[in-house]
Amino acid sequence: MSREIVFDTETTGFEYAKGERLVEIGAVELINHVPTGVTYHQYINPEKEVPEEAFKVHGLSYDFLKDYPTFDKVADEWLDFIGDATLVAHNASFDINFMNYELKQLGKVQMEWSRVVDTLEIARALFPGARCNLDALCKRFEIDNTSRTLHGALLDAQLLAEVYLELLGGREPSLLLDGEKKKKANSGFAESAVKNYREPRLFPLSEEELAEHNDFLEKKIKAALWNN
């Protein structure tokens, strides 16, 4: 059984080393790449005011958050939830580094990079030069994200789970990466994908495309073995 946790966080800012804090965690459980319906969601009291720039992103004010538990009160619950599952995040370095910094302050076990899948790295390897933020990937895969007016950890985790499955199912994962792209893509993804790949997506040809294909075969590849 392959268990994965797709998760997202919201924070008071970008730099944990300068005192910024977690304010929300949202996560979705997958078993063998299938959503189970099991989720984790927690608002967190950051014990500080939320800067206007961060509030504009996620809409979470300190006045709203102050009655929720601080991270030290929910850390064990979060660690119990993720267990030893593979961790899937978009731009994982942000979420993992932030989370590990908070865990380190409490003397808790930190999340190892060997168990992390970064969907941003996968998307960049698959679609070089294209926009690969969550909204762009939802649009590419025709995933409805109209309810995403603000960032929210649980909603973003649910959307990311759909994007992740599309990234795995767009073609056979064992054939996705080679050379430099393989170096850039997360090794945890590669190992998981090869072991648990989904059926390739199908892209039906139009009659015009099929005619052009057959014409090419007749002119360029006569007596093709696959036509026998």
Foldseek 3Di string as FASTA:
>chain_A
DAKEKQKDWAWLDQDVVVLIATFKIKIFIDDLLHTPPDIDIFGAQSVDFRDPVSCVAAVDTNVNRVPGYHCVVCVVVVCVVCPLHQYEYAVVVRVQVRNQVVCVVVVHDGDDLLRYFHVNLLVCLQDPPDDDDLVRLCVVVVNDPVVPPHDDIRSSSVSVSVSVLCSQQQAQLCPRDDDPSVVSGRPNCSVSSNVRGDHHDDDDDDPVVVVVVVVCCVVPPPPDVVVD
